[in-house]
Amino acid sequence: MARARSLYTPSTRAAAASLVLQSASPDSSSQLVTDQIGGVCPKAAEVLEKAEADALGYLDFPCEHHVSLRTKNVQERTDRELKRRSRVIQVFPSRK
């Protein structure tokens, strides 16, 4: 078990901050989460404090809607496709 635990030890501050955010549940106190992440990355804690209302806004909707509010895979895929196609166009600009 100790070996498995050592495999998941964060090697950077960003990884540690990511683990803290992933372990936070919507039911946990936002102040507790910002305190935990504040020890690892103070700037991230400031951002979380400022964006608390926006980040937890989805909780105002029924539980059935949480996943659809959180992920918009169709829209994200379309945006990536537009970005990919626009890069190709920029490689060969018009000569006008």
PDB file of N, CA and C in Angstrom:
ATOM      1  N   MET A   1       0.820  -1.190   0.000  1.00  0.00           N
ATOM      2  CA  MET A   1       0.000   0.000   0.000  1.00  0.00           C
ATOM      3  C   MET A   1       0.860   1.248   0.000  1.00  0.00           C
ATOM      4  N   ALA A   2       2.000   1.200   0.706  1.00  0.00           N
ATOM      5  CA  ALA A   2       2.877   2.374   0.755  1.00  0.00           C
ATOM      6  C   ALA A   2       3.435   2.683  -0.623  1.00  0.00           C
ATOM      7  N   ARG A   3       3.740   1.647  -1.395  1.00  0.00           N
ATOM      8  CA  ARG A   3       4.253   1.868  -2.745  1.00  0.00           C
ATOM      9  C   ARG A   3       3.187   2.514  -3.623  1.00  0.00           C
ATOM     10  N   ALA A   4       1.964   2.034  -3.538  1.00  0.00           N
ATOM     11  CA  ALA A   4       0.884   2.612  -4.339  1.00  0.00           C
ATOM     12  C   ALA A   4       0.641   4.063  -3.943  1.00  0.00           C
ATOM     13  N   ARG A   5       0.720   4.353  -2.670  1.00  0.00           N
ATOM     14  CA  ARG A   5       0.507   5.720  -2.212  1.00  0.00           C
ATOM     15  C   ARG A   5       1.613   6.634  -2.731  1.00  0.00           C
ATOM     16  N   SER A   6       2.851   6.131  -2.781  1.00  0.00           N
ATOM     17  CA  SER A   6       3.958   6.963  -3.251  1.00  0.00           C
ATOM     18  C   SER A   6       3.842   7.257  -4.739  1.00  0.00           C
ATOM     19  N   LEU A   7       3.152   6.407  -5.488  1.00  0.00           N
ATOM     20  CA  LEU A   7       2.966   6.664  -6.914  1.00  0.00           C
ATOM     21  C   LEU A   7       2.075   7.872  -7.153  1.00  0.00           C
ATOM     22  N   TYR A   8       1.190   8.167  -6.231  1.00  0.00           N
ATOM     23  CA  TYR A   8       0.247   9.260  -6.411  1.00  0.00           C
ATOM     24  C   TYR A   8       0.655  10.523  -5.654  1.00  0.00           C
ATOM     25  N   THR A   9       1.890  10.584  -5.194  1.00  0.00           N
ATOM     26  CA  THR A   9       2.365  11.771  -4.499  1.00  0.00           C
ATOM     27  C   THR A   9       2.595  12.877  -5.520  1.00  0.00           C
ATOM     28  N   PRO A  10       2.007  14.051  -5.306  1.00  0.00           N
ATOM     29  CA  PRO A  10       2.184  15.129  -6.282  1.00  0.00           C
ATOM     30  C   PRO A  10       3.629  15.621  -6.306  1.00  0.00           C
ATOM     31  N   SER A  11       4.154  15.821  -7.504  1.00  0.00           N
ATOM     32  CA  SER A  11       5.543  16.245  -7.624  1.00  0.00           C
ATOM     33  C   SER A  11       5.675  17.753  -7.771  1.00  0.00           C
ATOM     34  N   THR A  12       4.581  18.440  -8.047  1.00  0.00           N
ATOM     35  CA  THR A  12       4.640  19.894  -8.199  1.00  0.00           C
ATOM     36  C   THR A  12       3.537  20.546  -7.388  1.00  0.00           C
ATOM     37  N   ARG A  13       3.642  21.849  -7.227  1.00  0.00           N
ATOM     38  CA  ARG A  13       2.595  22.587  -6.510  1.00  0.00           C
ATOM     39  C   ARG A  13       1.282  22.537  -7.279  1.00  0.00           C
ATOM     40  N   ALA A  14       1.360  22.561  -8.598  1.00  0.00           N
ATOM     41  CA  ALA A  14       0.141  22.506  -9.404  1.00  0.00           C
ATOM     42  C   ALA A  14      -0.572  21.170  -9.211  1.00  0.00           C
ATOM     43  N   ALA A  15       0.185  20.096  -9.147  1.00  0.00           N
ATOM     44  CA  ALA A  15      -0.417  18.782  -8.935  1.00  0.00           C
ATOM     45  C   ALA A  15      -1.051  18.697  -7.556  1.00  0.00           C
ATOM     46  N   ALA A  16      -0.397  19.279  -6.563  1.00  0.00           N
ATOM     47  CA  ALA A  16      -0.957  19.278  -5.209  1.00  0.00           C
ATOM     48  C   ALA A  16      -2.243  20.085  -5.163  1.00  0.00           C
ATOM     49  N   ALA A  17      -2.253  21.227  -5.817  1.00  0.00           N
ATOM     50  CA  ALA A  17      -3.458  22.050  -5.863  1.00  0.00           C
ATOM     51  C   ALA A  17      -4.575  21.319  -6.587  1.00  0.00           C
ATOM     52  N   SER A  18      -4.238  20.609  -7.642  1.00  0.00           N
ATOM     53  CA  SER A  18      -5.233  19.849  -8.389  1.00  0.00           C
ATOM     54  C   SER A  18      -5.847  18.756  -7.526  1.00  0.00           C
ATOM     55  N   LEU A  19      -5.033  18.072  -6.735  1.00  0.00           N
ATOM     56  CA  LEU A  19      -5.558  17.030  -5.850  1.00  0.00           C
ATOM     57  C   LEU A  19      -6.506  17.607  -4.808  1.00  0.00           C
ATOM     58  N   VAL A  20      -6.183  18.776  -4.279  1.00  0.00           N
ATOM     59  CA  VAL A  20      -7.062  19.413  -3.294  1.00  0.00           C
ATOM     60  C   VAL A  20      -8.397  19.757  -3.930  1.00  0.00           C
ATOM     61  N   LEU A  21      -8.367  20.309  -5.139  1.00  0.00           N
ATOM     62  CA  LEU A  21      -9.612  20.681  -5.812  1.00  0.00           C
ATOM     63  C   LEU A  21     -10.449  19.460  -6.167  1.00  0.00           C
ATOM     64  N   GLN A  22      -9.794  18.378  -6.580  1.00  0.00           N
ATOM     65  CA  GLN A  22     -10.529  17.168  -6.926  1.00  0.00           C
ATOM     66  C   GLN A  22     -11.166  16.525  -5.704  1.00  0.00           C
ATOM     67  N   SER A  23     -10.536  16.664  -4.550  1.00  0.00           N
ATOM     68  CA  SER A  23     -11.074  16.048  -3.341  1.00  0.00           C
ATOM     69  C   SER A  23     -12.224  16.856  -2.757  1.00  0.00           C
ATOM     70  N   ALA A  24     -12.365  18.093  -3.179  1.00  0.00           N
ATOM     71  CA  ALA A  24     -13.431  18.946  -2.650  1.00  0.00           C
ATOM     72  C   ALA A  24     -14.764  18.539  -3.256  1.00  0.00           C
ATOM     73  N   SER A  25     -15.761  18.434  -2.427  1.00  0.00           N
ATOM     74  CA  SER A  25     -17.100  18.141  -2.911  1.00  0.00           C
ATOM     75  C   SER A  25     -17.938  19.401  -2.796  1.00  0.00           C
ATOM     76  N   PRO A  26     -19.043  19.493  -3.537  1.00  0.00           N
ATOM     77  CA  PRO A  26     -19.884  20.682  -3.443  1.00  0.00           C
ATOM     78  C   PRO A  26     -20.441  20.912  -2.046  1.00  0.00           C
ATOM     79  N   ASP A  27     -20.526  19.852  -1.249  1.00  0.00           N
ATOM     80  CA  ASP A  27     -21.077  19.987   0.094  1.00  0.00           C
ATOM     81  C   ASP A  27     -20.059  20.543   1.088  1.00  0.00           C
ATOM     82  N   SER A  28     -18.773  20.433   0.758  1.00  0.00           N
ATOM     83  CA  SER A  28     -17.759  20.896   1.700  1.00  0.00           C
ATOM     84  C   SER A  28     -17.709  22.418   1.718  1.00  0.00           C
ATOM     85  N   SER A  29     -17.233  22.931   2.807  1.00  0.00           N
ATOM     86  CA  SER A  29     -17.150  24.373   2.980  1.00  0.00           C
ATOM     87  C   SER A  29     -16.130  24.956   2.012  1.00  0.00           C
ATOM     88  N   SER A  30     -16.512  26.024   1.326  1.00  0.00           N
ATOM     89  CA  SER A  30     -15.589  26.647   0.380  1.00  0.00           C
ATOM     90  C   SER A  30     -14.401  27.259   1.105  1.00  0.00           C
ATOM     91  N   GLN A  31     -14.617  27.715   2.325  1.00  0.00           N
ATOM     92  CA  GLN A  31     -13.510  28.287   3.098  1.00  0.00           C
ATOM     93  C   GLN A  31     -12.489  27.209   3.443  1.00  0.00           C
ATOM     94  N   LEU A  32     -12.950  25.993   3.733  1.00  0.00           N
ATOM     95  CA  LEU A  32     -12.046  24.887   4.026  1.00  0.00           C
ATOM     96  C   LEU A  32     -11.174  24.576   2.813  1.00  0.00           C
ATOM     97  N   VAL A  33     -11.774  24.564   1.639  1.00  0.00           N
ATOM     98  CA  VAL A  33     -11.023  24.276   0.414  1.00  0.00           C
ATOM     99  C   VAL A  33      -9.997  25.367   0.142  1.00  0.00           C
ATOM    100  N   THR A  34     -10.397  26.630   0.276  1.00  0.00           N
ATOM    101  CA  THR A  34      -9.443  27.718   0.022  1.00  0.00           C
ATOM    102  C   THR A  34      -8.319  27.716   1.056  1.00  0.00           C
ATOM    103  N   ASP A  35      -8.609  27.315   2.286  1.00  0.00           N
ATOM    104  CA  ASP A  35      -7.552  27.211   3.296  1.00  0.00           C
ATOM    105  C   ASP A  35      -6.559  26.108   2.936  1.00  0.00           C
ATOM    106  N   GLN A  36      -7.086  24.966   2.458  1.00  0.00           N
ATOM    107  CA  GLN A  36      -6.215  23.853   2.085  1.00  0.00           C
ATOM    108  C   GLN A  36      -5.321  24.226   0.913  1.00  0.00           C
ATOM    109  N   ILE A  37      -5.900  24.839  -0.084  1.00  0.00           N
ATOM    110  CA  ILE A  37      -5.121  25.175  -1.274  1.00  0.00           C
ATOM    111  C   ILE A  37      -4.236  26.392  -1.034  1.00  0.00           C
ATOM    112  N   GLY A  38      -4.608  27.228  -0.055  1.00  0.00           N
ATOM    113  CA  GLY A  38      -3.812  28.405   0.262  1.00  0.00           C
ATOM    114  C   GLY A  38      -2.422  28.066   0.749  1.00  0.00           C
ATOM    115  N   GLY A  39      -2.273  26.942   1.433  1.00  0.00           N
ATOM    116  CA  GLY A  39      -0.958  26.521   1.892  1.00  0.00           C
ATOM    117  C   GLY A  39      -0.064  26.063   0.758  1.00  0.00           C
ATOM    118  N   VAL A  40      -0.665  25.549  -0.294  1.00  0.00           N
ATOM    119  CA  VAL A  40       0.098  25.034  -1.425  1.00  0.00           C
ATOM    120  C   VAL A  40       0.333  26.122  -2.472  1.00  0.00           C
ATOM    121  N   CYS A  41      -0.727  26.852  -2.792  1.00  0.00           N
ATOM    122  CA  CYS A  41      -0.647  27.853  -3.857  1.00  0.00           C
ATOM    123  C   CYS A  41      -1.531  29.049  -3.486  1.00  0.00           C
ATOM    124  N   PRO A  42      -0.975  30.079  -2.869  1.00  0.00           N
ATOM    125  CA  PRO A  42      -1.774  31.214  -2.391  1.00  0.00           C
ATOM    126  C   PRO A  42      -2.520  31.969  -3.490  1.00  0.00           C
ATOM    127  N   LYS A  43      -1.916  32.079  -4.670  1.00  0.00           N
ATOM    128  CA  LYS A  43      -2.587  32.794  -5.767  1.00  0.00           C
ATOM    129  C   LYS A  43      -3.854  32.060  -6.204  1.00  0.00           C
ATOM    130  N   ALA A  44      -3.794  30.739  -6.229  1.00  0.00           N
ATOM    131  CA  ALA A  44      -4.974  29.954  -6.593  1.00  0.00           C
ATOM    132  C   ALA A  44      -6.074  30.130  -5.558  1.00  0.00           C
ATOM    133  N   ALA A  45      -5.701  30.250  -4.297  1.00  0.00           N
ATOM    134  CA  ALA A  45      -6.691  30.471  -3.239  1.00  0.00           C
ATOM    135  C   ALA A  45      -7.383  31.814  -3.422  1.00  0.00           C
ATOM    136  N   GLU A  46      -6.636  32.832  -3.830  1.00  0.00           N
ATOM    137  CA  GLU A  46      -7.238  34.142  -4.083  1.00  0.00           C
ATOM    138  C   GLU A  46      -8.244  34.073  -5.219  1.00  0.00           C
ATOM    139  N   VAL A  47      -7.887  33.361  -6.276  1.00  0.00           N
ATOM    140  CA  VAL A  47      -8.791  33.215  -7.423  1.00  0.00           C
ATOM    141  C   VAL A  47     -10.061  32.484  -7.004  1.00  0.00           C
ATOM    142  N   LEU A  48      -9.909  31.436  -6.197  1.00  0.00           N
ATOM    143  CA  LEU A  48     -11.080  30.686  -5.737  1.00  0.00           C
ATOM    144  C   LEU A  48     -11.997  31.550  -4.876  1.00  0.00           C
ATOM    145  N   GLU A  49     -11.419  32.380  -4.031  1.00  0.00           N
ATOM    146  CA  GLU A  49     -12.241  33.249  -3.182  1.00  0.00           C
ATOM    147  C   GLU A  49     -13.031  34.246  -4.015  1.00  0.00           C
ATOM    148  N   LYS A  50     -12.389  34.793  -5.047  1.00  0.00           N
ATOM    149  CA  LYS A  50     -13.059  35.783  -5.892  1.00  0.00           C
ATOM    150  C   LYS A  50     -14.155  35.151  -6.751  1.00  0.00           C
ATOM    151  N   ALA A  51     -13.965  33.904  -7.164  1.00  0.00           N
ATOM    152  CA  ALA A  51     -14.893  33.259  -8.088  1.00  0.00           C
ATOM    153  C   ALA A  51     -15.833  32.273  -7.410  1.00  0.00           C
ATOM    154  N   GLU A  52     -15.960  32.355  -6.102  1.00  0.00           N
ATOM    155  CA  GLU A  52     -16.773  31.376  -5.370  1.00  0.00           C
ATOM    156  C   GLU A  52     -18.221  31.348  -5.856  1.00  0.00           C
ATOM    157  N   ALA A  53     -18.838  32.495  -5.996  1.00  0.00           N
ATOM    158  CA  ALA A  53     -20.248  32.540  -6.407  1.00  0.00           C
ATOM    159  C   ALA A  53     -20.430  31.979  -7.812  1.00  0.00           C
ATOM    160  N   ASP A  54     -19.517  32.303  -8.713  1.00  0.00           N
ATOM    161  CA  ASP A  54     -19.618  31.796 -10.081  1.00  0.00           C
ATOM    162  C   ASP A  54     -19.351  30.300 -10.145  1.00  0.00           C
ATOM    163  N   ALA A  55     -18.376  29.834  -9.381  1.00  0.00           N
ATOM    164  CA  ALA A  55     -18.008  28.423  -9.417  1.00  0.00           C
ATOM    165  C   ALA A  55     -19.095  27.524  -8.842  1.00  0.00           C
ATOM    166  N   LEU A  56     -19.838  28.026  -7.865  1.00  0.00           N
ATOM    167  CA  LEU A  56     -20.875  27.215  -7.229  1.00  0.00           C
ATOM    168  C   LEU A  56     -22.277  27.550  -7.727  1.00  0.00           C
ATOM    169  N   GLY A  57     -22.373  28.332  -8.777  1.00  0.00           N
ATOM    170  CA  GLY A  57     -23.672  28.733  -9.311  1.00  0.00           C
ATOM    171  C   GLY A  57     -24.507  27.576  -9.823  1.00  0.00           C
ATOM    172  N   TYR A  58     -23.855  26.516 -10.292  1.00  0.00           N
ATOM    173  CA  TYR A  58     -24.601  25.374 -10.822  1.00  0.00           C
ATOM    174  C   TYR A  58     -25.413  24.663  -9.749  1.00  0.00           C
ATOM    175  N   LEU A  59     -25.085  24.874  -8.475  1.00  0.00           N
ATOM    176  CA  LEU A  59     -25.810  24.204  -7.395  1.00  0.00           C
ATOM    177  C   LEU A  59     -27.232  24.731  -7.237  1.00  0.00           C
ATOM    178  N   ASP A  60     -27.540  25.877  -7.847  1.00  0.00           N
ATOM    179  CA  ASP A  60     -28.893  26.414  -7.793  1.00  0.00           C
ATOM    180  C   ASP A  60     -29.862  25.605  -8.645  1.00  0.00           C
ATOM    181  N   PHE A  61     -29.347  24.822  -9.589  1.00  0.00           N
ATOM    182  CA  PHE A  61     -30.174  24.019 -10.477  1.00  0.00           C
ATOM    183  C   PHE A  61     -30.383  22.626  -9.883  1.00  0.00           C
ATOM    184  N   PRO A  62     -31.398  21.882 -10.347  1.00  0.00           N
ATOM    185  CA  PRO A  62     -31.621  20.514  -9.857  1.00  0.00           C
ATOM    186  C   PRO A  62     -30.431  19.604 -10.171  1.00  0.00           C
ATOM    187  N   CYS A  63     -30.272  18.570  -9.371  1.00  0.00           N
ATOM    188  CA  CYS A  63     -29.136  17.650  -9.512  1.00  0.00           C
ATOM    189  C   CYS A  63     -29.065  17.007 -10.897  1.00  0.00           C
ATOM    190  N   GLU A  64     -30.211  16.787 -11.528  1.00  0.00           N
ATOM    191  CA  GLU A  64     -30.220  16.137 -12.838  1.00  0.00           C
ATOM    192  C   GLU A  64     -29.504  16.976 -13.893  1.00  0.00           C
ATOM    193  N   HIS A  65     -29.441  18.275 -13.685  1.00  0.00           N
ATOM    194  CA  HIS A  65     -28.861  19.177 -14.679  1.00  0.00           C
ATOM    195  C   HIS A  65     -27.379  19.458 -14.450  1.00  0.00           C
ATOM    196  N   HIS A  66     -26.811  19.017 -13.349  1.00  0.00           N
ATOM    197  CA  HIS A  66     -25.434  19.374 -13.012  1.00  0.00           C
ATOM    198  C   HIS A  66     -24.435  18.929 -14.069  1.00  0.00           C
ATOM    199  N   VAL A  67     -24.549  17.696 -14.559  1.00  0.00           N
ATOM    200  CA  VAL A  67     -23.584  17.196 -15.534  1.00  0.00           C
ATOM    201  C   VAL A  67     -23.694  17.965 -16.839  1.00  0.00           C
ATOM    202  N   SER A  68     -24.912  18.223 -17.293  1.00  0.00           N
ATOM    203  CA  SER A  68     -25.063  18.939 -18.561  1.00  0.00           C
ATOM    204  C   SER A  68     -24.625  20.389 -18.448  1.00  0.00           C
ATOM    205  N   LEU A  69     -24.702  20.966 -17.260  1.00  0.00           N
ATOM    206  CA  LEU A  69     -24.216  22.328 -17.068  1.00  0.00           C
ATOM    207  C   LEU A  69     -22.694  22.370 -17.025  1.00  0.00           C
ATOM    208  N   ARG A  70     -22.105  21.309 -16.527  1.00  0.00           N
ATOM    209  CA  ARG A  70     -20.654  21.272 -16.340  1.00  0.00           C
ATOM    210  C   ARG A  70     -19.922  20.983 -17.645  1.00  0.00           C
ATOM    211  N   THR A  71     -20.454  20.087 -18.470  1.00  0.00           N
ATOM    212  CA  THR A  71     -19.756  19.707 -19.693  1.00  0.00           C
ATOM    213  C   THR A  71     -20.609  20.007 -20.911  1.00  0.00           C
ATOM    214  N   LYS A  72     -19.991  20.552 -21.890  1.00  0.00           N
ATOM    215  CA  LYS A  72     -20.632  20.815 -23.183  1.00  0.00           C
ATOM    216  C   LYS A  72     -19.718  20.256 -24.266  1.00  0.00           C
ATOM    217  N   ASN A  73     -19.668  18.937 -24.365  1.00  0.00           N
ATOM    218  CA  ASN A  73     -18.730  18.290 -25.267  1.00  0.00           C
ATOM    219  C   ASN A  73     -18.966  18.655 -26.725  1.00  0.00           C
ATOM    220  N   VAL A  74     -20.220  18.791 -27.139  1.00  0.00           N
ATOM    221  CA  VAL A  74     -20.516  19.118 -28.530  1.00  0.00           C
ATOM    222  C   VAL A  74     -19.964  20.497 -28.866  1.00  0.00           C
ATOM    223  N   GLN A  75     -20.205  21.448 -28.005  1.00  0.00           N
ATOM    224  CA  GLN A  75     -19.715  22.807 -28.239  1.00  0.00           C
ATOM    225  C   GLN A  75     -18.187  22.854 -28.207  1.00  0.00           C
ATOM    226  N   GLU A  76     -17.578  22.160 -27.260  1.00  0.00           N
ATOM    227  CA  GLU A  76     -16.123  22.149 -27.171  1.00  0.00           C
ATOM    228  C   GLU A  76     -15.504  21.505 -28.407  1.00  0.00           C
ATOM    229  N   ARG A  77     -16.102  20.446 -28.898  1.00  0.00           N
ATOM    230  CA  ARG A  77     -15.595  19.777 -30.106  1.00  0.00           C
ATOM    231  C   ARG A  77     -15.703  20.703 -31.311  1.00  0.00           C
ATOM    232  N   THR A  78     -16.804  21.412 -31.433  1.00  0.00           N
ATOM    233  CA  THR A  78     -16.979  22.359 -32.536  1.00  0.00           C
ATOM    234  C   THR A  78     -15.938  23.466 -32.466  1.00  0.00           C
ATOM    235  N   ASP A  79     -15.687  23.975 -31.284  1.00  0.00           N
ATOM    236  CA  ASP A  79     -14.675  25.021 -31.122  1.00  0.00           C
ATOM    237  C   ASP A  79     -13.287  24.520 -31.514  1.00  0.00           C
ATOM    238  N   ARG A  80     -12.954  23.293 -31.126  1.00  0.00           N
ATOM    239  CA  ARG A  80     -11.650  22.733 -31.504  1.00  0.00           C
ATOM    240  C   ARG A  80     -11.543  22.559 -33.015  1.00  0.00           C
ATOM    241  N   GLU A  81     -12.638  22.135 -33.647  1.00  0.00           N
ATOM    242  CA  GLU A  81     -12.634  21.945 -35.096  1.00  0.00           C
ATOM    243  C   GLU A  81     -12.463  23.277 -35.819  1.00  0.00           C
ATOM    244  N   LEU A  82     -13.141  24.318 -35.354  1.00  0.00           N
ATOM    245  CA  LEU A  82     -12.977  25.644 -35.956  1.00  0.00           C
ATOM    246  C   LEU A  82     -11.550  26.149 -35.790  1.00  0.00           C
ATOM    247  N   LYS A  83     -10.982  25.921 -34.640  1.00  0.00           N
ATOM    248  CA  LYS A  83      -9.602  26.345 -34.392  1.00  0.00           C
ATOM    249  C   LYS A  83      -8.643  25.597 -35.313  1.00  0.00           C
ATOM    250  N   ARG A  84      -8.872  24.299 -35.480  1.00  0.00           N
ATOM    251  CA  ARG A  84      -8.011  23.494 -36.347  1.00  0.00           C
ATOM    252  C   ARG A  84      -8.098  23.968 -37.791  1.00  0.00           C
ATOM    253  N   ARG A  85      -9.307  24.227 -38.263  1.00  0.00           N
ATOM    254  CA  ARG A  85      -9.479  24.667 -39.645  1.00  0.00           C
ATOM    255  C   ARG A  85      -8.915  26.057 -39.877  1.00  0.00           C
ATOM    256  N   SER A  86      -9.020  26.934 -38.906  1.00  0.00           N
ATOM    257  CA  SER A  86      -8.494  28.291 -39.089  1.00  0.00           C
ATOM    258  C   SER A  86      -6.970  28.290 -39.126  1.00  0.00           C
ATOM    259  N   ARG A  87      -6.332  27.364 -38.445  1.00  0.00           N
ATOM    260  CA  ARG A  87      -4.871  27.264 -38.512  1.00  0.00           C
ATOM    261  C   ARG A  87      -4.419  26.901 -39.920  1.00  0.00           C
ATOM    262  N   VAL A  88      -5.137  25.998 -40.570  1.00  0.00           N
ATOM    263  CA  VAL A  88      -4.786  25.589 -41.926  1.00  0.00           C
ATOM    264  C   VAL A  88      -4.917  26.774 -42.870  1.00  0.00           C
ATOM    265  N   ILE A  89      -5.946  27.558 -42.714  1.00  0.00           N
ATOM    266  CA  ILE A  89      -6.170  28.712 -43.578  1.00  0.00           C
ATOM    267  C   ILE A  89      -5.056  29.735 -43.394  1.00  0.00           C
ATOM    268  N   GLN A  90      -4.582  29.934 -42.209  1.00  0.00           N
ATOM    269  CA  GLN A  90      -3.539  30.917 -41.951  1.00  0.00           C
ATOM    270  C   GLN A  90      -2.201  30.510 -42.565  1.00  0.00           C
ATOM    271  N   VAL A  91      -1.995  29.246 -42.765  1.00  0.00           N
ATOM    272  CA  VAL A  91      -0.744  28.790 -43.349  1.00  0.00           C
ATOM    273  C   VAL A  91      -0.651  29.226 -44.808  1.00  0.00           C
ATOM    274  N   PHE A  92      -1.784  29.234 -45.521  1.00  0.00           N
ATOM    275  CA  PHE A  92      -1.819  29.624 -46.924  1.00  0.00           C
ATOM    276  C   PHE A  92      -2.691  30.867 -47.097  1.00  0.00           C
ATOM    277  N   PRO A  93      -2.195  32.054 -46.743  1.00  0.00           N
ATOM    278  CA  PRO A  93      -3.016  33.263 -46.877  1.00  0.00           C
ATOM    279  C   PRO A  93      -3.195  33.651 -48.341  1.00  0.00           C
ATOM    280  N   SER A  94      -4.230  34.424 -48.607  1.00  0.00           N
ATOM    281  CA  SER A  94      -4.466  34.874 -49.977  1.00  0.00           C
ATOM    282  C   SER A  94      -3.417  35.907 -50.371  1.00  0.00           C
ATOM    283  N   ARG A  95      -3.175  36.061 -51.663  1.00  0.00           N
ATOM    284  CA  ARG A  95      -2.133  36.975 -52.139  1.00  0.00           C
ATOM    285  C   ARG A  95      -2.693  38.340 -52.512  1.00  0.00           C
ATOM    286  N   LYS A  96      -3.905  38.650 -52.157  1.00  0.00           N
ATOM    287  CA  LYS A  96      -4.527  39.930 -52.514  1.00  0.00           C
ATOM    288  C   LYS A  96      -3.991  41.067 -51.730  1.00  0.00           C
TER     289      LYS A  96
END
